[in-house]
Amino acid sequence: MSDRLVEAFKILPRKHRWVFPTVSGKRHAHIYKIVERVAIRAGIKGAHPHKFRATFLTRLLQSGCDIANVQALAGHKSIKTTQRYLGVSTELRREAVNRLKIAEPGAEAKKASSSG
């Protein structure tokens, strides 16, 4: 969790050990059912707990986190497992390429002629 989120949880009043306890204060045993109910109410199709994990990992990558740290945060032994989680869009790939510093055509010739 981010430091900001940890601080937010610290100031919230807590009656139970769990962040999202059941009515009786116990941990949820069937998170899939909870996500399914919430998704139906929200009109979202195909929602499941793993989507939250995949979204978190993708957003880490999009925010500039390197893939080795994304892998470590996910607890994956293999980088290939991490790569399967990441929904890298065409736009994200384009942005990555556009961040490269490429000299303007003819820049080297101009530089050489101005110094000589």
Protein backbone atom coordinates (compact mmCIF):
# COMPACT_ATOMS: atom_id res chain seq x y z
CA MET A 1 0.00 0.00 0.00
CA SER A 2 1.11 3.53 -0.58
CA ASP A 3 2.17 5.67 2.40
CA ARG A 4 -0.81 7.93 1.75
CA LEU A 5 -3.24 5.03 1.94
CA VAL A 6 -1.63 3.67 5.11
CA GLU A 7 -2.02 7.09 6.75
CA ALA A 8 -5.66 7.29 5.64
CA PHE A 9 -6.38 3.92 7.25
CA LYS A 10 -4.62 4.95 10.47
CA ILE A 11 -6.99 7.86 11.07
CA LEU A 12 -10.18 5.94 10.26
CA PRO A 13 -12.05 4.55 13.26
CA ARG A 14 -11.64 0.76 13.33
CA LYS A 15 -13.71 -1.79 15.18
CA HIS A 16 -12.22 -4.81 13.44
CA ARG A 17 -8.89 -6.15 12.23
CA TRP A 18 -10.07 -6.32 8.59
CA VAL A 19 -10.38 -3.35 6.24
CA PHE A 20 -13.66 -4.65 4.82
CA PRO A 21 -15.10 -6.96 7.49
CA THR A 22 -18.34 -8.89 7.29
CA VAL A 23 -21.32 -7.70 9.31
CA SER A 24 -20.10 -9.88 12.17
CA GLY A 25 -16.54 -8.45 11.95
CA LYS A 26 -14.91 -11.46 10.32
CA ARG A 27 -12.93 -11.58 7.11
CA HIS A 28 -14.72 -12.28 3.85
CA ALA A 29 -14.26 -15.83 2.67
CA HIS A 30 -15.94 -15.36 -0.69
CA ILE A 31 -14.48 -12.23 -2.25
CA TYR A 32 -15.50 -13.44 -5.70
CA LYS A 33 -19.18 -13.32 -4.70
CA ILE A 34 -18.77 -9.83 -3.23
CA VAL A 35 -17.09 -8.50 -6.37
CA GLU A 36 -19.75 -10.16 -8.51
CA ARG A 37 -22.60 -8.52 -6.54
CA VAL A 38 -20.97 -5.08 -6.66
CA ALA A 39 -20.25 -5.44 -10.38
CA ILE A 40 -23.85 -6.37 -11.13
CA ARG A 41 -25.10 -3.33 -9.20
CA ALA A 42 -22.64 -1.11 -11.07
CA GLY A 43 -23.47 -2.64 -14.45
CA ILE A 44 -19.92 -3.90 -15.02
CA LYS A 45 -19.43 -7.13 -16.93
CA GLY A 46 -16.54 -9.53 -16.40
CA ALA A 47 -15.40 -8.13 -13.04
CA HIS A 48 -13.37 -10.41 -10.78
CA PRO A 49 -10.77 -9.85 -8.03
CA HIS A 50 -7.86 -10.56 -10.36
CA LYS A 51 -8.85 -7.56 -12.49
CA PHE A 52 -8.05 -5.31 -9.52
CA ARG A 53 -4.61 -6.90 -9.27
CA ALA A 54 -4.00 -6.59 -13.01
CA THR A 55 -5.14 -2.95 -12.96
CA PHE A 56 -2.86 -2.17 -10.02
CA LEU A 57 0.16 -3.72 -11.75
CA THR A 58 -0.62 -2.00 -15.06
CA ARG A 59 -0.98 1.38 -13.35
CA LEU A 60 2.35 0.90 -11.58
CA LEU A 61 3.98 0.36 -14.97
CA GLN A 62 2.13 3.33 -16.51
CA SER A 63 3.27 5.58 -13.68
CA GLY A 64 6.91 4.87 -14.52
CA CYS A 65 7.66 1.94 -12.20
CA ASP A 66 10.13 -0.42 -13.84
CA ILE A 67 8.99 -3.96 -14.56
CA ALA A 68 11.41 -5.52 -12.05
CA ASN A 69 9.74 -3.60 -9.22
CA VAL A 70 6.27 -4.40 -10.57
CA GLN A 71 7.32 -8.07 -10.53
CA ALA A 72 8.57 -7.78 -6.93
CA LEU A 73 5.40 -6.03 -5.76
CA ALA A 74 3.30 -8.74 -7.41
CA GLY A 75 5.37 -11.48 -5.78
CA HIS A 76 6.04 -13.20 -9.08
CA LYS A 77 9.08 -15.43 -9.48
CA SER A 78 9.05 -15.09 -13.25
CA ILE A 79 8.95 -11.84 -15.24
CA LYS A 80 6.81 -13.71 -17.79
CA THR A 81 4.04 -14.07 -15.19
CA THR A 82 4.15 -10.32 -14.57
CA GLN A 83 4.00 -9.59 -18.28
CA ARG A 84 0.79 -11.61 -18.61
CA TYR A 85 -0.87 -9.34 -16.05
CA LEU A 86 0.06 -6.11 -17.77
CA GLY A 87 -2.41 -4.56 -20.16
CA VAL A 88 0.06 -2.44 -22.06
CA SER A 89 -1.83 -0.41 -24.62
CA THR A 90 -0.67 0.75 -28.00
CA GLU A 91 -0.83 4.32 -26.68
CA LEU A 92 1.48 3.45 -23.77
CA ARG A 93 3.96 1.88 -26.17
CA ARG A 94 3.82 4.98 -28.41
CA GLU A 95 4.47 7.23 -25.40
CA ALA A 96 7.47 5.10 -24.42
CA VAL A 97 9.00 5.39 -27.89
CA ASN A 98 8.30 9.14 -28.01
CA ARG A 99 10.27 9.62 -24.77
CA LEU A 100 13.45 8.54 -26.56
CA LYS A 101 15.82 11.39 -27.36
CA ILE A 102 16.51 11.22 -31.08
CA ALA A 103 18.60 13.83 -32.84
CA GLU A 104 16.92 15.89 -35.55
CA PRO A 105 17.91 14.88 -39.09
CA GLY A 106 21.03 16.78 -40.11
CA ALA A 107 21.76 17.94 -36.53
CA GLU A 108 25.22 16.31 -36.53
CA ALA A 109 26.16 17.99 -39.85
CA LYS A 110 25.00 21.39 -38.58
CA LYS A 111 26.95 20.91 -35.34
CA ALA A 112 30.14 19.95 -37.23
CA SER A 113 29.92 22.89 -39.66
CA SER A 114 29.29 25.43 -36.88
CA SER A 115 32.29 24.30 -34.83
CA GLY A 116 34.76 24.26 -37.68
